[in-house]
Amino acid sequence: MSLMGLPTELLDHLVQLTLTNGPRGGFEGIVGSCKLLHEVGKAHAQRYKKLCQFSSMRIGMGSTWPCVFEAIAREPLLGLYVETLDLRACNDQRGCGKEVVQLLLGDDRDRLQEMIGNSRWLALAGVDVQEWKTNVLTDDPNGVNNIYRAVFLLTLLPRLKTLTLTERCSRVQEEGKECKKVLDTLLELDHTASPRADSPLGQLERLCPFEPIEYSSNPLEGFEVADCFMALPSFKELHVSNLIAVEDYHTVETSGLYFKFDLPRSRRMLHEGIEELLAHMPYINSLRYTHATKWHGCEFDWNAGAFAAAVAEHCSGRLIKLALVLEELFGVVEQGIASLKEFEVLRDLEIDWNCFAAPPFGSDMSNPDDSRAWTLAQLPSLPDILPASVEHVTLVCTSNLDNIEPLRYLLRDATYLPQSRSFPALQSVQIKHSSTISDWVDRLDDADSKVKNQKTGRVPAQFLQSLLDATGFQYRYHPV
């Protein structure tokens, strides 16, 4: 018997089964395959449309917690559709101190209590279910209940791919030890090679910032929470900001501003620190790092060559995207990057050209001590740096080191790049900077030039323009 020969009731059941597969589970494909299934699917189209509205969910800025729990209590499939969850504002529940209780009276409240009581994940963690019911369904002026709500919500989201944590999650060990038990249970299950299809966090790919970017904050206080997600088999991207993981003479332990990797005190970070971080991310394939000297002088100078070498040692065979950008550097680049050819599968590269403008890593020279012995003329050219796999290259300068001279030397042998057999996958090279070409030329002639740490000669505007014309490179002005 063909599919079209099946009873309508059975076809209706098959269509409903596709609803359990989430927003990409095939509902649209099956109801669009023929007129008969299209007619059968009409009865479920509105439900599917409403479920898809929850694919991206943000908690906070109003009465969102009550609304989410009301929806979960009424629609058992809702959790299967959430792929993105943002908890940054979940503690901002202005005007809804009693709304959870008020909204969840009667059937909705009973259903949610039943969901908590029947949760296999709470049972596996061995926690007090009654305590969870109390914390999820009532409001605490200290906001501890929001940690319980966030963790319980995570147990309902087996297809979650992107998670932005709340700042309060950084206090989970002090304020929500029962929550830590449940979170640890979920992560232990998902560390297995073949996690259950309905296992929460089993498809988590990326973790986004969860602390404010400000000088007075202590963002690394919560990094222990982020750390536990890094070994998930599905994990691909970690977005963090405002981090300090450096022990140098500018940073003291009592400042509360830095995160301690378990490194010997005699070792300076920054390349050692990135090694420790990447050791917790065995499946990483994309890395973007922006370097900035902190307000109190931390990382005044930076060894870009050592940093790139440390990254290459841990994941050169996995990274397909790499970005190394200087945002603000008050000191100098101590040693530069001599080659990126170790990154054998790299496709997209974005890099500040000042990362190359220093004695090469591994040599016995270093800026500023050897700035006279080493000159920009010793820079390798771009073809000698790039891996053969690269497809898109973006050379940038958006920092205070607004210097065209390194670019001039990097591109001296690059005119044949687009036709080179050494780079069969290369599709584009872009040049982005924070000044116009004429600004550069004027500044190089100016006695008060902002160009630092190098003696620069005049760079005619025609040089860069003719180079762009010859290579087919793209030019972009990038205001900052």
Protein backbone atom coordinates (compact mmCIF):
# COMPACT_ATOMS: atom_id res chain seq x y z
CA MET A 1 0.00 0.00 0.00
CA SER A 2 1.33 3.43 -0.93
CA LEU A 3 1.54 6.30 1.55
CA MET A 4 -1.43 7.94 -0.10
CA GLY A 5 -3.48 4.83 0.48
CA LEU A 6 -3.19 5.02 4.26
CA PRO A 7 -6.21 6.08 6.33
CA THR A 8 -6.48 9.80 7.04
CA GLU A 9 -6.19 9.17 10.78
CA LEU A 10 -2.82 7.46 10.29
CA LEU A 11 -1.58 10.24 7.99
CA ASP A 12 -2.63 12.75 10.62
CA HIS A 13 -0.60 10.84 13.20
CA LEU A 14 2.47 10.86 10.92
CA VAL A 15 2.17 14.62 10.45
CA GLN A 16 1.91 15.11 14.21
CA LEU A 17 5.06 13.05 14.71
CA THR A 18 7.03 15.58 12.64
CA LEU A 19 6.02 18.26 15.16
CA THR A 20 8.11 16.49 17.81
CA ASN A 21 11.25 16.96 15.70
CA GLY A 22 11.48 20.71 16.26
CA PRO A 23 11.62 23.63 13.81
CA ARG A 24 13.74 21.68 11.31
CA GLY A 25 12.00 18.37 11.83
CA GLY A 26 10.29 18.06 8.48
CA PHE A 27 6.77 19.37 9.13
CA GLU A 28 6.98 21.91 6.31
CA GLY A 29 8.47 19.33 3.96
CA ILE A 30 5.85 16.67 4.54
CA VAL A 31 2.82 18.98 4.35
CA GLY A 32 4.20 20.53 1.19
CA SER A 33 4.87 17.23 -0.55
CA CYS A 34 1.36 16.68 -1.93
CA LYS A 35 -2.21 18.01 -1.76
CA LEU A 36 -3.46 15.25 0.52
CA LEU A 37 -0.79 15.80 3.18
CA HIS A 38 -1.20 19.54 2.79
CA GLU A 39 -4.87 19.20 3.69
CA VAL A 40 -4.04 16.91 6.62
CA GLY A 41 -1.39 19.36 7.86
CA LYS A 42 -3.72 22.37 7.88
CA ALA A 43 -5.11 21.30 11.25
CA HIS A 44 -1.61 21.53 12.79
CA ALA A 45 -0.14 24.49 10.89
CA GLN A 46 -1.17 27.10 13.44
CA ARG A 47 0.31 25.07 16.29
CA TYR A 48 3.55 24.63 14.37
CA LYS A 49 3.73 28.37 13.66
CA LYS A 50 3.31 29.22 17.36
CA LEU A 51 5.93 26.67 18.39
CA CYS A 52 8.45 28.13 15.94
CA GLN A 53 8.06 31.52 17.61
CA PHE A 54 9.89 30.04 20.60
CA SER A 55 12.98 28.98 18.62
CA SER A 56 14.73 32.04 20.07
CA MET A 57 13.83 32.92 23.66
CA ARG A 58 14.96 35.79 25.86
CA ILE A 59 14.06 35.87 29.54
CA GLY A 60 13.64 39.21 31.29
CA MET A 61 12.65 42.82 30.77
CA GLY A 62 9.07 42.30 31.95
CA SER A 63 6.97 39.33 32.98
CA THR A 64 8.79 36.83 30.79
CA TRP A 65 9.33 34.13 33.41
CA PRO A 66 5.58 33.80 34.08
CA CYS A 67 4.80 33.83 30.36
CA VAL A 68 7.37 31.12 29.62
CA PHE A 69 6.18 28.84 32.41
CA GLU A 70 2.57 29.37 31.40
CA ALA A 71 3.43 28.39 27.82
CA ILE A 72 5.45 25.37 28.96
CA ALA A 73 2.62 24.18 31.20
CA ARG A 74 0.15 24.38 28.31
CA GLU A 75 2.33 23.15 25.42
CA PRO A 76 4.45 20.03 26.09
CA LEU A 77 6.34 20.34 22.77
CA LEU A 78 7.57 23.89 23.37
CA GLY A 79 10.95 22.84 24.79
CA LEU A 80 11.74 20.89 21.62
CA TYR A 81 11.68 24.11 19.58
CA VAL A 82 13.99 26.33 21.62
CA GLU A 83 17.41 26.60 19.94
CA THR A 84 18.57 29.94 21.37
CA LEU A 85 18.17 31.01 25.01
CA ASP A 86 19.28 34.38 26.39
CA LEU A 87 19.23 34.66 30.19
CA ARG A 88 21.17 37.91 30.57
CA ALA A 89 18.17 39.91 31.78
CA CYS A 90 16.37 37.15 33.66
CA ASN A 91 17.00 38.92 36.97
CA ASP A 92 15.29 42.05 35.64
CA GLN A 93 11.72 41.09 36.49
CA ARG A 94 10.41 44.57 37.10
CA GLY A 95 6.77 44.66 38.04
CA CYS A 96 6.26 40.91 38.29
CA GLY A 97 7.00 40.13 41.94
CA LYS A 98 3.79 38.13 42.32
CA GLU A 99 3.01 37.32 38.70
CA VAL A 100 4.44 33.79 38.76
CA VAL A 101 2.07 32.83 41.56
CA GLN A 102 -0.87 34.75 40.09
CA LEU A 103 -0.50 33.35 36.58
CA LEU A 104 0.15 29.80 37.66
CA LEU A 105 -2.88 29.14 39.79
CA GLY A 106 -5.12 26.25 38.86
CA ASP A 107 -4.33 23.88 35.99
CA ASP A 108 -1.16 25.65 34.78
CA ARG A 109 0.40 25.55 38.23
CA ASP A 110 -0.59 21.91 38.74
CA ARG A 111 0.90 20.91 35.38
CA LEU A 112 4.17 22.68 36.11
CA GLN A 113 4.39 21.10 39.56
CA GLU A 114 3.84 17.73 37.92
CA MET A 115 6.61 18.43 35.40
CA ILE A 116 9.02 19.27 38.23
CA GLY A 117 7.99 16.22 40.24
CA ASN A 118 8.37 13.87 37.25
CA SER A 119 11.67 15.31 35.99
CA ARG A 120 14.09 12.43 35.42
CA TRP A 121 16.99 14.88 35.48
CA LEU A 122 16.16 16.12 38.98
CA ALA A 123 15.76 12.50 40.06
CA LEU A 124 19.16 11.55 38.61
CA ALA A 125 20.76 14.45 40.46
CA GLY A 126 19.21 13.28 43.73
CA VAL A 127 17.90 16.72 44.73
CA ASP A 128 14.91 17.67 46.88
CA VAL A 129 12.02 18.00 44.42
CA GLN A 130 9.90 19.96 46.89
CA GLU A 131 12.67 22.55 47.21
CA TRP A 132 12.67 22.91 43.44
CA LYS A 133 8.90 23.37 43.30
CA THR A 134 9.14 26.10 45.92
CA ASN A 135 11.97 27.96 44.20
CA VAL A 136 10.55 27.73 40.69
CA LEU A 137 7.00 28.73 41.61
CA THR A 138 7.63 31.46 44.18
CA ASP A 139 9.62 34.69 44.18
CA ASP A 140 12.67 35.36 46.32
CA PRO A 141 13.65 39.02 46.90
CA ASN A 142 17.32 37.96 46.62
CA GLY A 143 16.74 36.45 43.19
CA VAL A 144 18.10 32.99 44.06
CA ASN A 145 14.95 31.43 42.62
CA ASN A 146 15.96 32.66 39.17
CA ILE A 147 18.94 30.29 39.25
CA TYR A 148 16.55 27.38 39.93
CA ARG A 149 14.25 28.55 37.14
CA ALA A 150 17.11 28.87 34.66
CA VAL A 151 18.52 25.40 35.40
CA PHE A 152 15.08 23.76 35.36
CA LEU A 153 14.36 25.43 32.03
CA LEU A 154 17.61 23.96 30.66
CA THR A 155 16.39 20.46 31.56
CA LEU A 156 13.48 21.00 29.15
CA LEU A 157 15.54 22.06 26.11
CA PRO A 158 17.18 19.07 24.36
CA ARG A 159 17.77 20.99 21.10
CA LEU A 160 19.34 24.11 22.59
CA LYS A 161 22.29 25.28 20.48
CA THR A 162 23.10 28.81 21.74
CA LEU A 163 23.05 29.80 25.41
CA THR A 164 23.69 33.19 26.99
CA LEU A 165 23.96 32.81 30.75
CA THR A 166 22.74 35.17 33.42
CA GLU A 167 25.30 37.06 35.48
CA ARG A 168 23.84 35.39 38.57
CA CYS A 169 24.93 31.98 37.26
CA SER A 170 28.42 32.97 38.36
CA ARG A 171 27.16 32.65 41.94
CA VAL A 172 25.61 29.24 41.49
CA GLN A 173 28.10 27.51 43.80
CA GLU A 174 27.37 29.88 46.70
CA GLU A 175 23.65 30.48 46.23
CA GLY A 176 22.35 27.43 44.41
CA LYS A 177 24.26 24.27 45.31
CA GLU A 178 21.25 22.14 44.37
CA CYS A 179 21.33 23.78 40.94
CA LYS A 180 25.01 22.88 40.56
CA LYS A 181 24.15 19.22 41.23
CA VAL A 182 21.58 19.21 38.42
CA LEU A 183 23.87 21.07 36.03
CA ASP A 184 26.72 18.66 36.73
CA THR A 185 24.38 15.71 36.11
CA LEU A 186 23.32 17.10 32.73
CA LEU A 187 26.91 17.75 31.68
CA GLU A 188 28.13 14.32 32.79
CA LEU A 189 25.45 12.66 30.66
CA ASP A 190 26.35 14.78 27.65
CA HIS A 191 30.08 14.07 27.93
CA THR A 192 29.43 10.53 26.72
CA ALA A 193 30.16 9.71 23.11
CA SER A 194 26.48 8.91 22.38
CA PRO A 195 24.25 11.09 24.57
CA ARG A 196 20.50 10.46 24.60
CA ALA A 197 18.53 12.27 21.90
CA ASP A 198 16.40 13.96 24.58
CA SER A 199 19.38 14.84 26.78
CA PRO A 200 19.40 18.55 27.73
CA LEU A 201 22.47 20.43 26.46
CA GLY A 202 23.28 17.49 24.18
CA GLN A 203 23.32 19.79 21.13
CA LEU A 204 24.77 22.94 22.74
CA GLU A 205 27.24 24.56 20.33
CA ARG A 206 27.96 28.05 21.62
CA LEU A 207 28.08 29.97 24.89
CA CYS A 208 27.80 33.76 24.77
CA PRO A 209 28.84 36.59 27.13
CA PHE A 210 27.18 36.66 30.51
CA GLU A 211 29.01 39.41 32.40
CA PRO A 212 28.94 43.20 31.89
CA ILE A 213 31.89 44.79 30.09
CA GLU A 214 33.16 47.35 32.57
CA TYR A 215 36.34 48.05 34.49
CA SER A 216 34.79 47.52 37.92
CA SER A 217 33.30 44.12 37.09
CA ASN A 218 34.79 40.75 37.94
CA PRO A 219 33.80 38.78 34.83
CA LEU A 220 36.00 35.79 35.54
CA GLU A 221 34.18 35.08 38.77
CA GLY A 222 31.70 33.11 36.68
CA PHE A 223 34.17 31.51 34.33
CA GLU A 224 34.04 28.27 36.30
CA VAL A 225 30.42 27.92 35.14
CA ALA A 226 31.46 28.44 31.51
CA ASP A 227 34.36 26.01 31.94
CA CYS A 228 32.07 23.04 32.56
CA PHE A 229 30.44 23.43 29.13
CA MET A 230 33.69 23.37 27.15
CA ALA A 231 34.16 19.60 26.95
CA LEU A 232 30.70 18.91 25.51
CA PRO A 233 31.12 16.94 22.25
CA SER A 234 28.79 19.37 20.44
CA PHE A 235 30.46 22.54 21.76
CA LYS A 236 31.95 24.79 19.06
CA GLU A 237 32.01 28.45 20.09
CA LEU A 238 32.72 30.38 23.28
CA HIS A 239 32.18 34.15 23.33
CA VAL A 240 33.63 35.88 26.40
CA SER A 241 34.70 39.45 27.05
CA ASN A 242 36.59 41.64 29.50
CA LEU A 243 38.69 38.72 30.69
CA ILE A 244 42.01 39.04 32.48
CA ALA A 245 44.05 35.87 32.85
CA VAL A 246 47.47 37.39 33.29
CA GLU A 247 50.01 37.45 36.06
CA ASP A 248 52.36 40.36 35.47
CA TYR A 249 53.72 43.23 37.49
CA HIS A 250 50.65 45.34 36.69
CA THR A 251 48.15 42.89 38.23
CA VAL A 252 48.00 41.76 41.83
CA GLU A 253 45.95 38.90 43.19
CA THR A 254 44.08 41.08 45.68
CA SER A 255 42.66 43.28 42.91
CA GLY A 256 39.99 40.70 42.17
CA LEU A 257 40.41 41.44 38.49
CA TYR A 258 41.90 38.29 37.12
CA PHE A 259 41.06 34.65 36.77
CA LYS A 260 43.61 32.13 38.00
CA PHE A 261 44.46 29.31 35.70
CA ASP A 262 46.45 26.78 37.70
CA LEU A 263 49.80 28.05 36.43
CA PRO A 264 53.10 28.43 38.27
CA ARG A 265 53.40 31.99 39.52
CA SER A 266 56.67 32.45 37.66
CA ARG A 267 54.98 32.02 34.28
CA ARG A 268 53.51 35.00 32.48
CA MET A 269 50.32 34.35 30.67
CA LEU A 270 49.26 35.24 27.75
CA HIS A 271 50.26 32.35 25.50
CA GLU A 272 50.38 29.96 28.47
CA GLY A 273 46.90 31.10 29.44
CA ILE A 274 45.41 30.47 26.02
CA GLU A 275 46.98 26.99 26.12
CA GLU A 276 45.15 26.23 29.35
CA LEU A 277 41.89 27.61 27.98
CA LEU A 278 42.09 25.63 24.73
CA ALA A 279 42.93 22.47 26.65
CA HIS A 280 39.33 22.58 27.90
CA MET A 281 37.93 22.96 24.35
CA PRO A 282 38.87 19.80 22.42
CA TYR A 283 36.29 20.42 19.68
CA ILE A 284 36.95 24.10 18.97
CA ASN A 285 36.95 25.12 15.29
CA SER A 286 36.59 28.91 15.51
CA LEU A 287 38.60 31.38 17.60
CA ARG A 288 38.37 35.17 17.74
CA TYR A 289 40.69 37.03 20.11
CA THR A 290 40.77 40.80 20.58
CA HIS A 291 43.68 42.13 22.63
CA ALA A 292 43.47 45.31 24.69
CA THR A 293 45.72 46.79 27.34
CA LYS A 294 43.62 47.03 30.49
CA TRP A 295 43.07 50.33 32.27
CA HIS A 296 45.55 49.46 35.05
CA GLY A 297 48.34 48.60 32.57
CA CYS A 298 47.88 44.84 32.41
CA GLU A 299 49.39 43.40 29.20
CA PHE A 300 51.06 46.70 28.31
CA ASP A 301 53.13 44.75 25.77
CA TRP A 302 51.97 41.65 23.88
CA ASN A 303 53.79 38.68 22.36
CA ALA A 304 51.60 38.00 19.33
CA GLY A 305 53.97 35.36 17.97
CA ALA A 306 53.91 33.28 21.15
CA PHE A 307 50.13 33.58 21.31
CA ALA A 308 49.65 32.33 17.74
CA ALA A 309 52.14 29.50 18.30
CA ALA A 310 50.25 28.36 21.40
CA VAL A 311 46.97 28.37 19.48
CA ALA A 312 48.58 26.40 16.65
CA GLU A 313 49.98 23.81 19.04
CA HIS A 314 46.53 22.99 20.42
CA CYS A 315 44.16 23.34 17.48
CA SER A 316 45.97 24.07 14.20
CA GLY A 317 44.37 21.00 12.64
CA ARG A 318 40.81 22.02 13.63
CA LEU A 319 40.47 25.79 13.29
CA ILE A 320 38.60 26.90 10.20
CA LYS A 321 38.14 30.50 11.42
CA LEU A 322 40.76 32.58 13.20
CA ALA A 323 40.72 36.27 14.14
CA LEU A 324 43.52 38.04 16.04
CA VAL A 325 42.75 41.73 16.47
CA LEU A 326 44.44 44.52 18.41
CA GLU A 327 41.93 46.87 19.99
CA GLU A 328 44.25 48.98 22.12
CA LEU A 329 47.95 48.41 22.78
CA PHE A 330 49.80 51.04 24.78
CA GLY A 331 53.12 49.21 24.58
CA VAL A 332 54.67 47.20 21.74
CA VAL A 333 54.27 43.87 19.99
CA GLU A 334 57.23 42.05 21.52
CA GLN A 335 57.52 39.24 18.95
CA GLY A 336 55.54 38.84 15.75
CA ILE A 337 53.92 36.02 13.83
CA ALA A 338 56.30 34.57 11.26
CA SER A 339 53.94 32.02 9.67
CA LEU A 340 50.41 30.65 9.87
CA LYS A 341 51.05 27.65 7.64
CA GLU A 342 50.53 25.28 10.60
CA PHE A 343 46.79 26.00 10.33
CA GLU A 344 46.26 23.45 7.58
CA VAL A 345 42.44 23.67 7.38
CA LEU A 346 42.04 27.40 8.00
CA ARG A 347 39.53 29.06 5.68
CA ASP A 348 38.79 32.50 7.14
CA LEU A 349 41.56 34.68 8.58
CA GLU A 350 41.17 38.14 10.08
CA ILE A 351 44.33 39.60 11.55
CA ASP A 352 45.81 42.94 12.52
CA TRP A 353 48.88 43.48 10.38
CA ASN A 354 50.73 44.82 13.44
CA CYS A 355 50.80 41.21 14.70
CA PHE A 356 53.58 40.64 12.16
CA ALA A 357 55.48 43.89 12.80
CA ALA A 358 58.05 42.62 15.32
CA PRO A 359 60.99 40.21 15.50
CA PRO A 360 59.67 36.71 14.76
CA PHE A 361 58.67 34.42 17.60
CA GLY A 362 61.42 31.93 18.36
CA SER A 363 64.23 34.32 17.54
CA ASP A 364 66.55 35.79 20.16
CA MET A 365 65.24 39.30 19.46
CA SER A 366 62.30 41.09 21.02
CA ASN A 367 60.81 44.58 21.05
CA PRO A 368 61.51 47.10 22.41
CA ASP A 369 65.04 45.94 23.33
CA ASP A 370 65.97 44.90 19.78
CA SER A 371 63.95 47.46 17.82
CA ARG A 372 67.13 48.82 16.23
CA ALA A 373 68.55 45.43 15.25
CA TRP A 374 65.31 44.32 13.60
CA THR A 375 63.57 46.28 10.82
CA LEU A 376 60.32 45.96 8.91
CA ALA A 377 62.32 45.02 5.83
CA GLN A 378 62.80 41.61 7.48
CA LEU A 379 59.05 40.97 7.54
CA PRO A 380 57.94 37.87 5.61
CA SER A 381 55.58 38.59 2.74
CA LEU A 382 51.95 37.54 2.81
CA PRO A 383 52.43 34.48 0.53
CA ASP A 384 55.10 33.20 2.94
CA ILE A 385 52.67 33.48 5.86
CA LEU A 386 49.32 32.17 4.63
CA PRO A 387 48.31 28.48 4.68
CA ALA A 388 47.33 26.92 1.35
CA SER A 389 43.78 26.22 2.58
CA VAL A 390 42.83 29.86 3.18
CA GLU A 391 39.77 31.20 1.33
CA HIS A 392 39.16 34.65 2.81
CA VAL A 393 41.81 36.97 4.28
CA THR A 394 41.12 40.27 6.03
CA LEU A 395 44.06 42.45 7.04
CA VAL A 396 42.90 45.00 9.59
CA CYS A 397 44.20 47.92 11.61
CA THR A 398 41.57 49.38 13.90
CA SER A 399 43.78 49.95 16.94
CA ASN A 400 45.83 52.92 18.08
CA LEU A 401 48.79 51.40 16.16
CA ASP A 402 47.62 53.01 12.93
CA ASN A 403 50.69 52.28 10.82
CA ILE A 404 50.69 51.47 7.10
CA GLU A 405 54.36 50.49 6.91
CA PRO A 406 53.92 46.81 7.93
CA LEU A 407 51.26 46.44 5.25
CA ARG A 408 53.62 47.81 2.63
CA TYR A 409 56.17 45.07 3.34
CA LEU A 410 53.61 42.29 3.79
CA LEU A 411 52.18 42.91 0.34
CA ARG A 412 55.46 43.40 -1.53
CA ASP A 413 55.28 39.94 -3.15
CA ALA A 414 51.52 39.54 -3.08
CA THR A 415 50.58 40.73 -6.56
CA TYR A 416 50.44 37.17 -7.87
CA LEU A 417 48.32 35.80 -5.01
CA PRO A 418 44.97 35.64 -6.86
CA GLN A 419 46.54 33.54 -9.66
CA SER A 420 48.89 31.51 -7.47
CA ARG A 421 48.63 27.71 -7.56
CA SER A 422 49.91 27.73 -3.99
CA PHE A 423 46.56 29.13 -2.86
CA PRO A 424 43.93 27.30 -4.92
CA ALA A 425 41.07 28.08 -2.52
CA LEU A 426 41.76 31.82 -2.13
CA GLN A 427 38.66 33.87 -2.98
CA SER A 428 39.19 37.29 -1.43
CA VAL A 429 41.64 39.52 0.39
CA GLN A 430 40.26 42.59 2.16
CA ILE A 431 42.09 45.50 3.72
CA LYS A 432 40.25 47.28 6.53
CA HIS A 433 41.57 50.23 8.47
CA SER A 434 40.44 53.19 10.52
CA SER A 435 41.90 55.93 8.32
CA THR A 436 41.66 56.93 4.68
CA ILE A 437 44.67 56.52 2.40
CA SER A 438 45.12 60.28 2.25
CA ASP A 439 45.03 60.42 6.06
CA TRP A 440 47.86 57.91 6.15
CA VAL A 441 49.97 59.85 3.65
CA ASP A 442 49.39 63.14 5.45
CA ARG A 443 50.23 61.63 8.79
CA LEU A 444 53.42 60.02 7.55
CA ASP A 445 54.57 63.46 6.39
CA ASP A 446 53.52 65.07 9.64
CA ALA A 447 56.21 65.70 12.23
CA ASP A 448 53.66 64.81 14.90
CA SER A 449 52.82 61.50 13.26
CA LYS A 450 50.88 59.02 15.38
CA VAL A 451 52.84 56.14 13.90
CA LYS A 452 54.78 54.56 16.76
CA ASN A 453 57.89 52.44 17.24
CA GLN A 454 58.99 52.50 13.59
CA LYS A 455 60.80 55.01 11.39
CA THR A 456 58.49 55.54 8.45
CA GLY A 457 59.06 57.05 5.05
CA ARG A 458 56.52 58.55 2.70
CA VAL A 459 54.02 56.02 1.33
CA PRO A 460 52.43 57.38 -1.86
CA ALA A 461 48.70 56.87 -2.12
CA GLN A 462 49.30 55.45 -5.59
CA PHE A 463 51.27 52.57 -4.06
CA LEU A 464 48.31 51.06 -2.26
CA GLN A 465 45.83 51.83 -5.01
CA SER A 466 48.00 50.30 -7.73
CA LEU A 467 48.57 47.25 -5.57
CA LEU A 468 44.84 46.82 -5.08
CA ASP A 469 44.26 47.18 -8.83
CA ALA A 470 46.96 44.62 -9.63
CA THR A 471 45.81 41.97 -7.18
CA GLY A 472 42.07 42.44 -7.19
CA PHE A 473 42.12 42.88 -3.41
CA GLN A 474 39.16 44.62 -1.86
CA TYR A 475 39.64 47.86 0.04
CA ARG A 476 37.42 48.90 2.93
CA TYR A 477 37.46 51.97 5.15
CA HIS A 478 36.51 50.86 8.66
CA PRO A 479 35.62 53.78 10.96
CA VAL A 480 36.13 53.31 14.69
